[in-house]
Amino acid sequence: MATIKINGNTQEIEEGLSVLDLIKTNKVLQPEMVSVQLNQEFVNREDFGVTLVNNGDEIDFLYFMGGGSI
């Protein structure tokens, strides 16, 4: 088992999980719209399936919102 932080919350996970696995197991809403930071570095979307998460890592799932004026 590995201990990580996701969006500031501690979570126990199986070792060897990828960023994509975390997105699925955490039931991230709109996974096609999420950006991921791993230890404060953005992960390229095409690397989600091959980027492994290790004990002590910090992951943030981020959504960027556009805005406008009325």
PDB file of N, CA and C in Angstrom:
ATOM      1  N   MET A   1       0.844  -1.191   0.000  1.00  0.00           N
ATOM      2  CA  MET A   1       0.000   0.000   0.000  1.00  0.00           C
ATOM      3  C   MET A   1       0.884   1.248   0.000  1.00  0.00           C
ATOM      4  N   ALA A   2       0.328   2.319  -0.557  1.00  0.00           N
ATOM      5  CA  ALA A   2       1.021   3.600  -0.587  1.00  0.00           C
ATOM      6  C   ALA A   2       0.080   4.665  -0.023  1.00  0.00           C
ATOM      7  N   THR A   3       0.653   5.657   0.617  1.00  0.00           N
ATOM      8  CA  THR A   3      -0.120   6.772   1.147  1.00  0.00           C
ATOM      9  C   THR A   3       0.184   7.996   0.302  1.00  0.00           C
ATOM     10  N   ILE A   4      -0.875   8.607  -0.242  1.00  0.00           N
ATOM     11  CA  ILE A   4      -0.731   9.788  -1.087  1.00  0.00           C
ATOM     12  C   ILE A   4      -1.724  10.844  -0.614  1.00  0.00           C
ATOM     13  N   LYS A   5      -1.619  12.030  -1.194  1.00  0.00           N
ATOM     14  CA  LYS A   5      -2.622  13.064  -0.948  1.00  0.00           C
ATOM     15  C   LYS A   5      -3.261  13.413  -2.274  1.00  0.00           C
ATOM     16  N   ILE A   6      -4.595  13.434  -2.269  1.00  0.00           N
ATOM     17  CA  ILE A   6      -5.350  13.854  -3.445  1.00  0.00           C
ATOM     18  C   ILE A   6      -6.168  15.063  -3.040  1.00  0.00           C
ATOM     19  N   ASN A   7      -5.903  16.168  -3.703  1.00  0.00           N
ATOM     20  CA  ASN A   7      -6.560  17.445  -3.395  1.00  0.00           C
ATOM     21  C   ASN A   7      -6.515  17.734  -1.893  1.00  0.00           C
ATOM     22  N   GLY A   8      -5.369  17.429  -1.271  1.00  0.00           N
ATOM     23  CA  GLY A   8      -5.162  17.737   0.137  1.00  0.00           C
ATOM     24  C   GLY A   8      -5.630  16.676   1.113  1.00  0.00           C
ATOM     25  N   ASN A   9      -6.304  15.631   0.626  1.00  0.00           N
ATOM     26  CA  ASN A   9      -6.815  14.575   1.499  1.00  0.00           C
ATOM     27  C   ASN A   9      -5.965  13.318   1.384  1.00  0.00           C
ATOM     28  N   THR A  10      -5.583  12.760   2.523  1.00  0.00           N
ATOM     29  CA  THR A  10      -4.763  11.548   2.544  1.00  0.00           C
ATOM     30  C   THR A  10      -5.596  10.354   2.089  1.00  0.00           C
ATOM     31  N   GLN A  11      -4.971   9.513   1.270  1.00  0.00           N
ATOM     32  CA  GLN A  11      -5.663   8.339   0.745  1.00  0.00           C
ATOM     33  C   GLN A  11      -4.665   7.187   0.645  1.00  0.00           C
ATOM     34  N   GLU A  12      -5.123   5.998   0.982  1.00  0.00           N
ATOM     35  CA  GLU A  12      -4.330   4.777   0.830  1.00  0.00           C
ATOM     36  C   GLU A  12      -4.690   4.158  -0.520  1.00  0.00           C
ATOM     37  N   ILE A  13      -3.659   3.825  -1.303  1.00  0.00           N
ATOM     38  CA  ILE A  13      -3.898   3.204  -2.610  1.00  0.00           C
ATOM     39  C   ILE A  13      -2.996   1.988  -2.759  1.00  0.00           C
ATOM     40  N   GLU A  14      -3.322   1.154  -3.734  1.00  0.00           N
ATOM     41  CA  GLU A  14      -2.439   0.057  -4.093  1.00  0.00           C
ATOM     42  C   GLU A  14      -1.210   0.642  -4.772  1.00  0.00           C
ATOM     43  N   GLU A  15      -0.073   0.007  -4.588  1.00  0.00           N
ATOM     44  CA  GLU A  15       1.128   0.461  -5.278  1.00  0.00           C
ATOM     45  C   GLU A  15       1.011   0.118  -6.760  1.00  0.00           C
ATOM     46  N   GLY A  16       1.650   0.932  -7.598  1.00  0.00           N
ATOM     47  CA  GLY A  16       1.679   0.667  -9.026  1.00  0.00           C
ATOM     48  C   GLY A  16       0.525   1.256  -9.815  1.00  0.00           C
ATOM     49  N   LEU A  17      -0.311   2.089  -9.184  1.00  0.00           N
ATOM     50  CA  LEU A  17      -1.416   2.706  -9.911  1.00  0.00           C
ATOM     51  C   LEU A  17      -0.914   3.875 -10.740  1.00  0.00           C
ATOM     52  N   SER A  18      -1.547   4.073 -11.888  1.00  0.00           N
ATOM     53  CA  SER A  18      -1.229   5.214 -12.742  1.00  0.00           C
ATOM     54  C   SER A  18      -2.172   6.374 -12.423  1.00  0.00           C
ATOM     55  N   VAL A  19      -1.857   7.523 -12.971  1.00  0.00           N
ATOM     56  CA  VAL A  19      -2.745   8.684 -12.828  1.00  0.00           C
ATOM     57  C   VAL A  19      -4.123   8.340 -13.386  1.00  0.00           C
ATOM     58  N   LEU A  20      -4.169   7.655 -14.517  1.00  0.00           N
ATOM     59  CA  LEU A  20      -5.459   7.269 -15.108  1.00  0.00           C
ATOM     60  C   LEU A  20      -6.235   6.351 -14.169  1.00  0.00           C
ATOM     61  N   ASP A  21      -5.546   5.414 -13.522  1.00  0.00           N
ATOM     62  CA  ASP A  21      -6.205   4.536 -12.540  1.00  0.00           C
ATOM     63  C   ASP A  21      -6.825   5.359 -11.413  1.00  0.00           C
ATOM     64  N   LEU A  22      -6.098   6.380 -10.930  1.00  0.00           N
ATOM     65  CA  LEU A  22      -6.622   7.227  -9.850  1.00  0.00           C
ATOM     66  C   LEU A  22      -7.862   7.988 -10.298  1.00  0.00           C
ATOM     67  N   ILE A  23      -7.840   8.482 -11.523  1.00  0.00           N
ATOM     68  CA  ILE A  23      -9.001   9.197 -12.054  1.00  0.00           C
ATOM     69  C   ILE A  23     -10.219   8.279 -12.020  1.00  0.00           C
ATOM     70  N   LYS A  24     -10.027   7.035 -12.440  1.00  0.00           N
ATOM     71  CA  LYS A  24     -11.134   6.069 -12.477  1.00  0.00           C
ATOM     72  C   LYS A  24     -11.582   5.679 -11.067  1.00  0.00           C
ATOM     73  N   THR A  25     -10.638   5.347 -10.176  1.00  0.00           N
ATOM     74  CA  THR A  25     -11.021   4.866  -8.851  1.00  0.00           C
ATOM     75  C   THR A  25     -11.620   5.970  -7.986  1.00  0.00           C
ATOM     76  N   ASN A  26     -11.266   7.220  -8.265  1.00  0.00           N
ATOM     77  CA  ASN A  26     -11.826   8.346  -7.512  1.00  0.00           C
ATOM     78  C   ASN A  26     -13.069   8.917  -8.177  1.00  0.00           C
ATOM     79  N   LYS A  27     -13.509   8.267  -9.256  1.00  0.00           N
ATOM     80  CA  LYS A  27     -14.730   8.673  -9.967  1.00  0.00           C
ATOM     81  C   LYS A  27     -14.740  10.176 -10.244  1.00  0.00           C
ATOM     82  N   VAL A  28     -13.619  10.649 -10.817  1.00  0.00           N
ATOM     83  CA  VAL A  28     -13.481  12.061 -11.152  1.00  0.00           C
ATOM     84  C   VAL A  28     -14.531  12.424 -12.196  1.00  0.00           C
ATOM     85  N   LEU A  29     -15.280  13.486 -11.902  1.00  0.00           N
ATOM     86  CA  LEU A  29     -16.297  13.957 -12.837  1.00  0.00           C
ATOM     87  C   LEU A  29     -15.621  14.585 -14.039  1.00  0.00           C
ATOM     88  N   GLN A  30     -16.193  14.371 -15.190  1.00  0.00           N
ATOM     89  CA  GLN A  30     -15.689  14.913 -16.453  1.00  0.00           C
ATOM     90  C   GLN A  30     -14.189  14.664 -16.617  1.00  0.00           C
ATOM     91  N   PRO A  31     -13.773  13.400 -16.629  1.00  0.00           N
ATOM     92  CA  PRO A  31     -12.344  13.091 -16.713  1.00  0.00           C
ATOM     93  C   PRO A  31     -11.670  13.664 -17.957  1.00  0.00           C
ATOM     94  N   GLU A  32     -12.452  13.879 -19.008  1.00  0.00           N
ATOM     95  CA  GLU A  32     -11.885  14.455 -20.233  1.00  0.00           C
ATOM     96  C   GLU A  32     -11.559  15.935 -20.072  1.00  0.00           C
ATOM     97  N   MET A  33     -12.040  16.556 -19.001  1.00  0.00           N
ATOM     98  CA  MET A  33     -11.826  17.983 -18.760  1.00  0.00           C
ATOM     99  C   MET A  33     -10.838  18.263 -17.621  1.00  0.00           C
ATOM    100  N   VAL A  34     -10.385  17.225 -16.935  1.00  0.00           N
ATOM    101  CA  VAL A  34      -9.542  17.431 -15.759  1.00  0.00           C
ATOM    102  C   VAL A  34      -8.069  17.573 -16.157  1.00  0.00           C
ATOM    103  N   SER A  35      -7.384  18.447 -15.445  1.00  0.00           N
ATOM    104  CA  SER A  35      -5.931  18.541 -15.529  1.00  0.00           C
ATOM    105  C   SER A  35      -5.385  17.965 -14.232  1.00  0.00           C
ATOM    106  N   VAL A  36      -4.193  17.377 -14.314  1.00  0.00           N
ATOM    107  CA  VAL A  36      -3.624  16.713 -13.152  1.00  0.00           C
ATOM    108  C   VAL A  36      -2.242  17.283 -12.851  1.00  0.00           C
ATOM    109  N   GLN A  37      -2.047  17.620 -11.581  1.00  0.00           N
ATOM    110  CA  GLN A  37      -0.731  17.991 -11.094  1.00  0.00           C
ATOM    111  C   GLN A  37      -0.239  16.869 -10.195  1.00  0.00           C
ATOM    112  N   LEU A  38       0.979  16.435 -10.434  1.00  0.00           N
ATOM    113  CA  LEU A  38       1.631  15.427  -9.618  1.00  0.00           C
ATOM    114  C   LEU A  38       2.857  16.096  -9.007  1.00  0.00           C
ATOM    115  N   ASN A  39       2.826  16.267  -7.689  1.00  0.00           N
ATOM    116  CA  ASN A  39       3.912  16.959  -6.994  1.00  0.00           C
ATOM    117  C   ASN A  39       4.192  18.327  -7.618  1.00  0.00           C
ATOM    118  N   GLN A  40       3.118  19.062  -7.874  1.00  0.00           N
ATOM    119  CA  GLN A  40       3.129  20.437  -8.382  1.00  0.00           C
ATOM    120  C   GLN A  40       3.613  20.567  -9.820  1.00  0.00           C
ATOM    121  N   GLU A  41       3.694  19.448 -10.556  1.00  0.00           N
ATOM    122  CA  GLU A  41       4.055  19.468 -11.967  1.00  0.00           C
ATOM    123  C   GLU A  41       2.879  18.920 -12.768  1.00  0.00           C
ATOM    124  N   PHE A  42       2.486  19.630 -13.831  1.00  0.00           N
ATOM    125  CA  PHE A  42       1.388  19.139 -14.655  1.00  0.00           C
ATOM    126  C   PHE A  42       1.810  17.880 -15.407  1.00  0.00           C
ATOM    127  N   VAL A  43       0.878  16.925 -15.490  1.00  0.00           N
ATOM    128  CA  VAL A  43       1.091  15.684 -16.234  1.00  0.00           C
ATOM    129  C   VAL A  43       0.375  15.841 -17.570  1.00  0.00           C
ATOM    130  N   ASN A  44       1.067  15.554 -18.675  1.00  0.00           N
ATOM    131  CA  ASN A  44       0.432  15.609 -19.991  1.00  0.00           C
ATOM    132  C   ASN A  44      -0.657  14.544 -20.076  1.00  0.00           C
ATOM    133  N   ARG A  45      -1.771  14.908 -20.652  1.00  0.00           N
ATOM    134  CA  ARG A  45      -2.911  13.994 -20.755  1.00  0.00           C
ATOM    135  C   ARG A  45      -2.506  12.659 -21.386  1.00  0.00           C
ATOM    136  N   GLU A  46      -1.669  12.692 -22.398  1.00  0.00           N
ATOM    137  CA  GLU A  46      -1.267  11.447 -23.071  1.00  0.00           C
ATOM    138  C   GLU A  46      -0.392  10.563 -22.178  1.00  0.00           C
ATOM    139  N   ASP A  47       0.087  11.113 -21.057  1.00  0.00           N
ATOM    140  CA  ASP A  47       0.913  10.341 -20.129  1.00  0.00           C
ATOM    141  C   ASP A  47       0.143   9.828 -18.910  1.00  0.00           C
ATOM    142  N   PHE A  48      -1.157  10.115 -18.814  1.00  0.00           N
ATOM    143  CA  PHE A  48      -1.944   9.687 -17.648  1.00  0.00           C
ATOM    144  C   PHE A  48      -1.834   8.174 -17.413  1.00  0.00           C
ATOM    145  N   GLY A  49      -1.856   7.390 -18.469  1.00  0.00           N
ATOM    146  CA  GLY A  49      -1.844   5.933 -18.334  1.00  0.00           C
ATOM    147  C   GLY A  49      -0.492   5.345 -17.987  1.00  0.00           C
ATOM    148  N   VAL A  50       0.582   6.093 -18.198  1.00  0.00           N
ATOM    149  CA  VAL A  50       1.928   5.560 -17.953  1.00  0.00           C
ATOM    150  C   VAL A  50       2.644   6.237 -16.789  1.00  0.00           C
ATOM    151  N   THR A  51       2.053   7.301 -16.244  1.00  0.00           N
ATOM    152  CA  THR A  51       2.657   7.999 -15.106  1.00  0.00           C
ATOM    153  C   THR A  51       2.194   7.330 -13.823  1.00  0.00           C
ATOM    154  N   LEU A  52       3.142   6.710 -13.113  1.00  0.00           N
ATOM    155  CA  LEU A  52       2.804   5.978 -11.898  1.00  0.00           C
ATOM    156  C   LEU A  52       2.862   6.891 -10.681  1.00  0.00           C
ATOM    157  N   VAL A  53       2.007   6.593  -9.717  1.00  0.00           N
ATOM    158  CA  VAL A  53       1.931   7.345  -8.473  1.00  0.00           C
ATOM    159  C   VAL A  53       2.678   6.553  -7.403  1.00  0.00           C
ATOM    160  N   ASN A  54       3.509   7.251  -6.641  1.00  0.00           N
ATOM    161  CA  ASN A  54       4.338   6.610  -5.616  1.00  0.00           C
ATOM    162  C   ASN A  54       3.957   7.074  -4.218  1.00  0.00           C
ATOM    163  N   ASN A  55       4.388   6.305  -3.240  1.00  0.00           N
ATOM    164  CA  ASN A  55       4.151   6.645  -1.848  1.00  0.00           C
ATOM    165  C   ASN A  55       4.629   8.074  -1.571  1.00  0.00           C
ATOM    166  N   GLY A  56       3.783   8.867  -0.919  1.00  0.00           N
ATOM    167  CA  GLY A  56       4.130  10.234  -0.554  1.00  0.00           C
ATOM    168  C   GLY A  56       3.816  11.279  -1.611  1.00  0.00           C
ATOM    169  N   ASP A  57       3.357  10.858  -2.790  1.00  0.00           N
ATOM    170  CA  ASP A  57       3.032  11.820  -3.849  1.00  0.00           C
ATOM    171  C   ASP A  57       1.815  12.652  -3.485  1.00  0.00           C
ATOM    172  N   GLU A  58       1.772  13.846  -4.061  1.00  0.00           N
ATOM    173  CA  GLU A  58       0.619  14.736  -3.917  1.00  0.00           C
ATOM    174  C   GLU A  58       0.033  14.982  -5.297  1.00  0.00           C
ATOM    175  N   ILE A  59      -1.258  14.695  -5.424  1.00  0.00           N
ATOM    176  CA  ILE A  59      -1.965  14.813  -6.693  1.00  0.00           C
ATOM    177  C   ILE A  59      -3.090  15.818  -6.531  1.00  0.00           C
ATOM    178  N   ASP A  60      -3.250  16.671  -7.534  1.00  0.00           N
ATOM    179  CA  ASP A  60      -4.375  17.599  -7.562  1.00  0.00           C
ATOM    180  C   ASP A  60      -5.107  17.417  -8.876  1.00  0.00           C
ATOM    181  N   PHE A  61      -6.421  17.223  -8.789  1.00  0.00           N
ATOM    182  CA  PHE A  61      -7.285  17.206  -9.953  1.00  0.00           C
ATOM    183  C   PHE A  61      -7.841  18.619 -10.100  1.00  0.00           C
ATOM    184  N   LEU A  62      -7.592  19.247 -11.227  1.00  0.00           N
ATOM    185  CA  LEU A  62      -7.939  20.648 -11.427  1.00  0.00           C
ATOM    186  C   LEU A  62      -8.843  20.813 -12.634  1.00  0.00           C
ATOM    187  N   TYR A  63      -9.772  21.753 -12.533  1.00  0.00           N
ATOM    188  CA  TYR A  63     -10.631  22.145 -13.643  1.00  0.00           C
ATOM    189  C   TYR A  63     -10.443  23.633 -13.876  1.00  0.00           C
ATOM    190  N   PHE A  64     -10.206  23.994 -15.104  1.00  0.00           N
ATOM    191  CA  PHE A  64     -10.044  25.400 -15.429  1.00  0.00           C
ATOM    192  C   PHE A  64     -11.359  25.927 -15.980  1.00  0.00           C
ATOM    193  N   MET A  65     -11.828  26.996 -15.402  1.00  0.00           N
ATOM    194  CA  MET A  65     -13.103  27.575 -15.802  1.00  0.00           C
ATOM    195  C   MET A  65     -12.858  28.857 -16.584  1.00  0.00           C
ATOM    196  N   GLY A  66     -13.534  28.951 -17.688  1.00  0.00           N
ATOM    197  CA  GLY A  66     -13.488  30.186 -18.462  1.00  0.00           C
ATOM    198  C   GLY A  66     -14.541  31.135 -17.951  1.00  0.00           C
ATOM    199  N   GLY A  67     -14.332  32.352 -18.197  1.00  0.00           N
ATOM    200  CA  GLY A  67     -15.305  33.350 -17.738  1.00  0.00           C
ATOM    201  C   GLY A  67     -15.516  34.392 -18.800  1.00  0.00           C
ATOM    202  N   GLY A  68     -16.407  35.254 -18.538  1.00  0.00           N
ATOM    203  CA  GLY A  68     -16.706  36.326 -19.464  1.00  0.00           C
ATOM    204  C   GLY A  68     -17.436  37.430 -18.746  1.00  0.00           C
ATOM    205  N   SER A  69     -17.788  38.427 -19.494  1.00  0.00           N
ATOM    206  CA  SER A  69     -18.537  39.525 -18.884  1.00  0.00           C
ATOM    207  C   SER A  69     -19.967  39.484 -19.380  1.00  0.00           C
ATOM    208  N   ILE A  70     -20.825  40.081 -18.602  1.00  0.00           N
ATOM    209  CA  ILE A  70     -22.252  40.107 -18.947  1.00  0.00           C
ATOM    210  C   ILE A  70     -22.564  41.384 -19.673  1.00  0.00           C
TER     211      ILE A  70
END
